[in-house]
Each structure stands twice: as structure tokens, then as C-alpha cells.
C-alpha atoms as a PDB file:
ATOM      1  CA  MET A   1     104.126  91.269 129.667  1.00  0.00           C
ATOM      2  CA  PRO A   2     103.901  89.558 126.369  1.00  0.00           C
ATOM      3  CA  LEU A   3     101.543  91.399 123.410  1.00  0.00           C
ATOM      4  CA  GLN A   4      98.637  90.338 122.890  1.00  0.00           C
ATOM      5  CA  VAL A   5      97.005  90.592 119.180  1.00  0.00           C
ATOM      6  CA  SER A   6      94.209  88.182 119.674  1.00  0.00           C
ATOM      7  CA  LYS A   7      92.100  86.795 122.267  1.00  0.00           C
ATOM      8  CA  LYS A   8      93.832  83.798 120.295  1.00  0.00           C
ATOM      9  CA  LEU A   9      96.747  85.343 119.419  1.00  0.00           C
ATOM     10  CA  ILE A  10      99.400  86.474 122.188  1.00  0.00           C
ATOM     11  CA  ILE A  11     103.777  87.192 121.290  1.00  0.00           C
ATOM     12  CA  PRO A  12     106.137  85.975 124.342  1.00  0.00           C
ATOM     13  CA  ASN A  13     107.926  88.491 125.207  1.00  0.00           C
ATOM     14  CA  HIS A  14     111.322  86.226 124.257  1.00  0.00           C
ATOM     15  CA  GLU A  15     110.574  86.405 120.698  1.00  0.00           C
ATOM     16  CA  ILE A  16     110.323  90.874 120.309  1.00  0.00           C
ATOM     17  CA  LYS A  17     113.974  92.603 120.694  1.00  0.00           C
ATOM     18  CA  CYS A  18     114.473  95.851 121.484  1.00  0.00           C
ATOM     19  CA  ARG A  19     117.548  97.842 120.728  1.00  0.00           C
ATOM     20  CA  PHE A  20     117.530 101.373 121.811  1.00  0.00           C
ATOM     21  CA  SER A  21     119.478 103.944 119.690  1.00  0.00           C
ATOM     22  CA  ARG A  22     120.390 107.533 120.456  1.00  0.00           C
ATOM     23  CA  SER A  23     116.882 109.865 118.643  1.00  0.00           C
ATOM     24  CA  SER A  24     118.151 111.901 116.630  1.00  0.00           C
ATOM     25  CA  GLY A  25     114.536 114.364 117.135  1.00  0.00           C
ATOM     26  CA  PRO A  26     113.960 116.862 119.866  1.00  0.00           C
ATOM     27  CA  GLY A  27     115.547 116.699 124.092  1.00  0.00           C
ATOM     28  CA  GLY A  28     117.033 118.940 124.614  1.00  0.00           C
ATOM     29  CA  GLN A  29     120.560 118.694 126.783  1.00  0.00           C
ATOM     30  CA  ASN A  30     119.602 114.771 126.525  1.00  0.00           C
ATOM     31  CA  VAL A  31     119.723 114.686 122.571  1.00  0.00           C
ATOM     32  CA  ASN A  32     123.337 113.584 123.216  1.00  0.00           C
ATOM     33  CA  LYS A  33     123.017 111.444 125.980  1.00  0.00           C
ATOM     34  CA  ILE A  34     119.805 109.361 126.220  1.00  0.00           C
ATOM     35  CA  GLU A  35     118.968 106.475 123.936  1.00  0.00           C
ATOM     36  CA  SER A  36     115.099 107.088 123.868  1.00  0.00           C
ATOM     37  CA  LYS A  37     114.892 106.222 119.387  1.00  0.00           C
ATOM     38  CA  VAL A  38     113.518 102.074 119.886  1.00  0.00           C
ATOM     39  CA  GLU A  39     114.178 100.196 116.763  1.00  0.00           C
ATOM     40  CA  ILE A  40     111.562  96.175 117.633  1.00  0.00           C
ATOM     41  CA  ILE A  41     112.058  93.524 116.020  1.00  0.00           C
ATOM     42  CA  PHE A  42     109.732  89.857 115.337  1.00  0.00           C
ATOM     43  CA  ASN A  43     111.221  86.909 113.634  1.00  0.00           C
ATOM     44  CA  ILE A  44     108.014  85.544 111.636  1.00  0.00           C
ATOM     45  CA  HIS A  45     109.682  82.676 110.211  1.00  0.00           C
ATOM     46  CA  LYS A  46     110.704  81.544 113.594  1.00  0.00           C
ATOM     47  CA  SER A  47     108.202  82.492 116.084  1.00  0.00           C
ATOM     48  CA  LYS A  48     106.650  79.760 117.676  1.00  0.00           C
ATOM     49  CA  ALA A  49     103.386  81.977 118.681  1.00  0.00           C
ATOM     50  CA  LEU A  50     102.594  81.758 115.163  1.00  0.00           C
ATOM     51  CA  LYS A  51     100.494  79.016 112.608  1.00  0.00           C
ATOM     52  CA  GLU A  52     102.188  78.828 109.690  1.00  0.00           C
ATOM     53  CA  PHE A  53      99.730  80.082 107.419  1.00  0.00           C
ATOM     54  CA  HIS A  54      99.859  83.337 109.946  1.00  0.00           C
ATOM     55  CA  LYS A  55     103.232  83.980 108.636  1.00  0.00           C
ATOM     56  CA  LYS A  56     102.590  82.697 104.979  1.00  0.00           C
ATOM     57  CA  ILE A  57      99.749  85.944 105.078  1.00  0.00           C
ATOM     58  CA  LEU A  58     102.503  87.754 106.960  1.00  0.00           C
ATOM     59  CA  VAL A  59     105.227  86.785 104.159  1.00  0.00           C
ATOM     60  CA  LYS A  60     103.214  88.051 101.669  1.00  0.00           C
ATOM     61  CA  LYS A  61     101.239  90.987 102.550  1.00  0.00           C
ATOM     62  CA  LEU A  62     104.648  92.377 103.609  1.00  0.00           C
ATOM     63  CA  ASN A  63     106.839  91.544 101.839  1.00  0.00           C
ATOM     64  CA  ASN A  64     108.223  95.307 101.418  1.00  0.00           C
ATOM     65  CA  LYS A  65     108.754  95.282 105.023  1.00  0.00           C
ATOM     66  CA  ILE A  66     110.033  92.092 106.157  1.00  0.00           C
ATOM     67  CA  VAL A  67     114.468  92.133 106.438  1.00  0.00           C
ATOM     68  CA  ASN A  68     115.157  88.993 106.044  1.00  0.00           C
ATOM     69  CA  GLY A  69     112.160  87.274 107.980  1.00  0.00           C
ATOM     70  CA  CYS A  70     111.897  89.943 110.638  1.00  0.00           C
ATOM     71  CA  ILE A  71     108.974  92.523 111.062  1.00  0.00           C
ATOM     72  CA  SER A  72     110.887  96.155 112.360  1.00  0.00           C
ATOM     73  CA  ILE A  73     109.268  98.356 113.356  1.00  0.00           C
ATOM     74  CA  LYS A  74     111.169 102.031 114.500  1.00  0.00           C
ATOM     75  CA  VAL A  75     110.011 104.748 116.991  1.00  0.00           C
ATOM     76  CA  GLN A  76     112.136 108.667 117.341  1.00  0.00           C
ATOM     77  CA  GLU A  77     108.332 110.247 118.124  1.00  0.00           C
ATOM     78  CA  LYS A  78     108.638 110.880 121.799  1.00  0.00           C
ATOM     79  CA  ARG A  79     111.572 112.228 124.797  1.00  0.00           C
ATOM     80  CA  THR A  80     111.607 109.101 126.416  1.00  0.00           C
ATOM     81  CA  GLN A  81     112.695 105.656 125.409  1.00  0.00           C
ATOM     82  CA  LEU A  82     109.228 103.925 127.230  1.00  0.00           C
ATOM     83  CA  LYS A  83     106.841 106.117 125.679  1.00  0.00           C
ATOM     84  CA  ASN A  84     108.891 105.170 122.464  1.00  0.00           C
ATOM     85  CA  ARG A  85     108.674 101.829 123.222  1.00  0.00           C
ATOM     86  CA  GLN A  86     105.092 101.640 123.602  1.00  0.00           C
ATOM     87  CA  LEU A  87     104.057 103.435 120.810  1.00  0.00           C
ATOM     88  CA  ALA A  88     106.629 100.971 119.120  1.00  0.00           C
ATOM     89  CA  THR A  89     104.644  97.693 120.606  1.00  0.00           C
ATOM     90  CA  GLN A  90     101.235  99.618 119.525  1.00  0.00           C
ATOM     91  CA  LYS A  91     102.256 100.316 115.929  1.00  0.00           C
ATOM     92  CA  LEU A  92     103.356  96.123 115.728  1.00  0.00           C
ATOM     93  CA  ILE A  93     100.309  95.164 117.167  1.00  0.00           C
ATOM     94  CA  SER A  94      98.032  96.959 114.537  1.00  0.00           C
ATOM     95  CA  LEU A  95     100.257  95.634 112.148  1.00  0.00           C
ATOM     96  CA  LEU A  96      99.281  92.216 112.645  1.00  0.00           C
ATOM     97  CA  LYS A  97      95.710  92.118 113.649  1.00  0.00           C
ATOM     98  CA  GLU A  98      95.559  94.295 110.622  1.00  0.00           C
ATOM     99  CA  ILE A  99      96.959  91.750 108.836  1.00  0.00           C
ATOM    100  CA  ILE A 100      95.930  88.256 110.267  1.00  0.00           C
ATOM    101  CA  LEU A 101      92.339  88.863 111.749  1.00  0.00           C
ATOM    102  CA  SER A 102      91.398  90.873 107.884  1.00  0.00           C
ATOM    103  CA  GLU A 103      89.309  88.050 105.487  1.00  0.00           C
ATOM    104  CA  VAL A 104      90.493  87.370 102.340  1.00  0.00           C
ATOM    105  CA  LYS A 105      88.339  88.809  99.931  1.00  0.00           C
ATOM    106  CA  VAL A 106      87.511  85.465  97.488  1.00  0.00           C
ATOM    107  CA  ARG A 107      86.383  86.788  94.599  1.00  0.00           C
ATOM    108  CA  LYS A 108      82.400  84.972  92.834  1.00  0.00           C
ATOM    109  CA  VAL A 109      82.892  83.900  89.404  1.00  0.00           C
ATOM    110  CA  THR A 110      80.411  86.085  87.946  1.00  0.00           C
ATOM    111  CA  THR A 111      79.272  85.404  83.731  1.00  0.00           C
ATOM    112  CA  PRO A 112      79.028  88.866  81.221  1.00  0.00           C
ATOM    113  CA  THR A 113      76.098  90.252  80.577  1.00  0.00           C
ATOM    114  CA  LYS A 114      74.186  89.412  77.327  1.00  0.00           C
ATOM    115  CA  SER A 115      74.320  93.816  77.354  1.00  0.00           C
ATOM    116  CA  SER A 116      77.978  93.343  77.856  1.00  0.00           C
ATOM    117  CA  GLN A 117      79.208  90.572  75.886  1.00  0.00           C
ATOM    118  CA  LYS A 118      77.493  92.837  73.028  1.00  0.00           C
ATOM    119  CA  ARG A 119      78.944  96.122  74.141  1.00  0.00           C
ATOM    120  CA  ARG A 120      82.209  94.369  73.708  1.00  0.00           C
ATOM    121  CA  VAL A 121      81.510  92.330  70.151  1.00  0.00           C
ATOM    122  CA  GLU A 122      80.615  96.509  68.273  1.00  0.00           C
ATOM    123  CA  SER A 123      83.762  98.539  69.872  1.00  0.00           C
ATOM    124  CA  LYS A 124      85.622  95.568  68.712  1.00  0.00           C
ATOM    125  CA  LYS A 125      84.056  95.916  64.900  1.00  0.00           C
ATOM    126  CA  LYS A 126      84.307  99.520  65.797  1.00  0.00           C
ATOM    127  CA  ARG A 127      87.658  99.391  65.703  1.00  0.00           C
ATOM    128  CA  GLY A 128      88.346  96.944  63.253  1.00  0.00           C
ATOM    129  CA  GLU A 129      86.398  99.145  60.775  1.00  0.00           C
ATOM    130  CA  LEU A 130      88.810 102.750  61.726  1.00  0.00           C
ATOM    131  CA  LYS A 131      91.731 100.762  61.225  1.00  0.00           C
ATOM    132  CA  ARG A 132      90.186  99.212  58.458  1.00  0.00           C
ATOM    133  CA  ASN A 133      89.630 102.851  56.776  1.00  0.00           C
ATOM    134  CA  ARG A 134      93.925 103.937  57.510  1.00  0.00           C
ATOM    135  CA  GLN A 135      95.169 100.794  54.714  1.00  0.00           C
ATOM    136  CA  TYR A 136      96.088 102.176  51.879  1.00  0.00           C
ATOM    137  CA  LYS A 137      93.792 100.207  49.724  1.00  0.00           C
ATOM    138  CA  LEU A 138      95.646  99.768  45.364  1.00  0.00           C
ATOM    139  CA  GLU A 139      92.323 100.019  42.775  1.00  0.00           C
ATOM    140  CA  THR A 140      92.770  99.153  39.533  1.00  0.00           C
ATOM    141  CA  ASN A 141      90.649 100.647  36.402  1.00  0.00           C
ATOM    142  CA  LEU A 142      90.584  97.674  33.233  1.00  0.00           C
END
């Protein structure tokens, strides 16, 4: 079943890879037999569902979570592979929604107020005066 991030963005199944391994979490007798840990891998650069500007936004915002152009999400919280897979897909969807659907805030250019300019100049004058008072002055009385 494809992942629906938004109304317009749907990621097909073939773009998402799943890996399964033995989990280190609880499981009783199944700990050493069942591969319940799930790792979902989504390659951003090879995705045809994402547009170029979406890819750029994802790479910029997730630069510390991307390895070789792929987002990797690992889940081993639950005892069953199915529940872990559902959690991992939900985490991927929420991560993509949060980044792609969030709007970039553009800073409004403003000019400093007269009082803030005055405060800045006053603080610079005080700092200069303080430094001038620290200087060693050689007095010559002739």
C-alpha cells in the first residue's frame, strides 16, 4: 500500500525498502528466532514521487539524518514485525509531512528605530570610555 503524505504527494511502495533483523527488545522465547526489528529506507534522490524543490528542502533540513541520500528509520519498540513496520511508516510519513508541508518563513526587512540606534551608539561610547580609562597615560609636567 503506497504511503500518502498529503493529498498530492503519494510515495509508491517500490521506492521504500524494508529490512528486518532480530530485535534486542523484549520478546520472551521469540527473541532469538523472530526478526521483529524493522528498518525502512527511503532514497530521496532516486524518488520519482518527490519534486526537485521537495528534494532540496529535505536534504537541507535532514542533512544530519541522511546517509548516502537515504532516510533510514529503525523501529524495534513492539514485539511483532507488523506493528514495528506500521510504526516505522508512520514515523516516515510524519517526518516528511513536517518538513515538506511546513512553510519557509521569510524575514521582513525592517529598519532599526531611532531609540535603538541611540542606545547602540550610547553603549559604544560607554565601552570606548571604559577602554580609554584603562590606558596608561604618561604625564609630563614641564
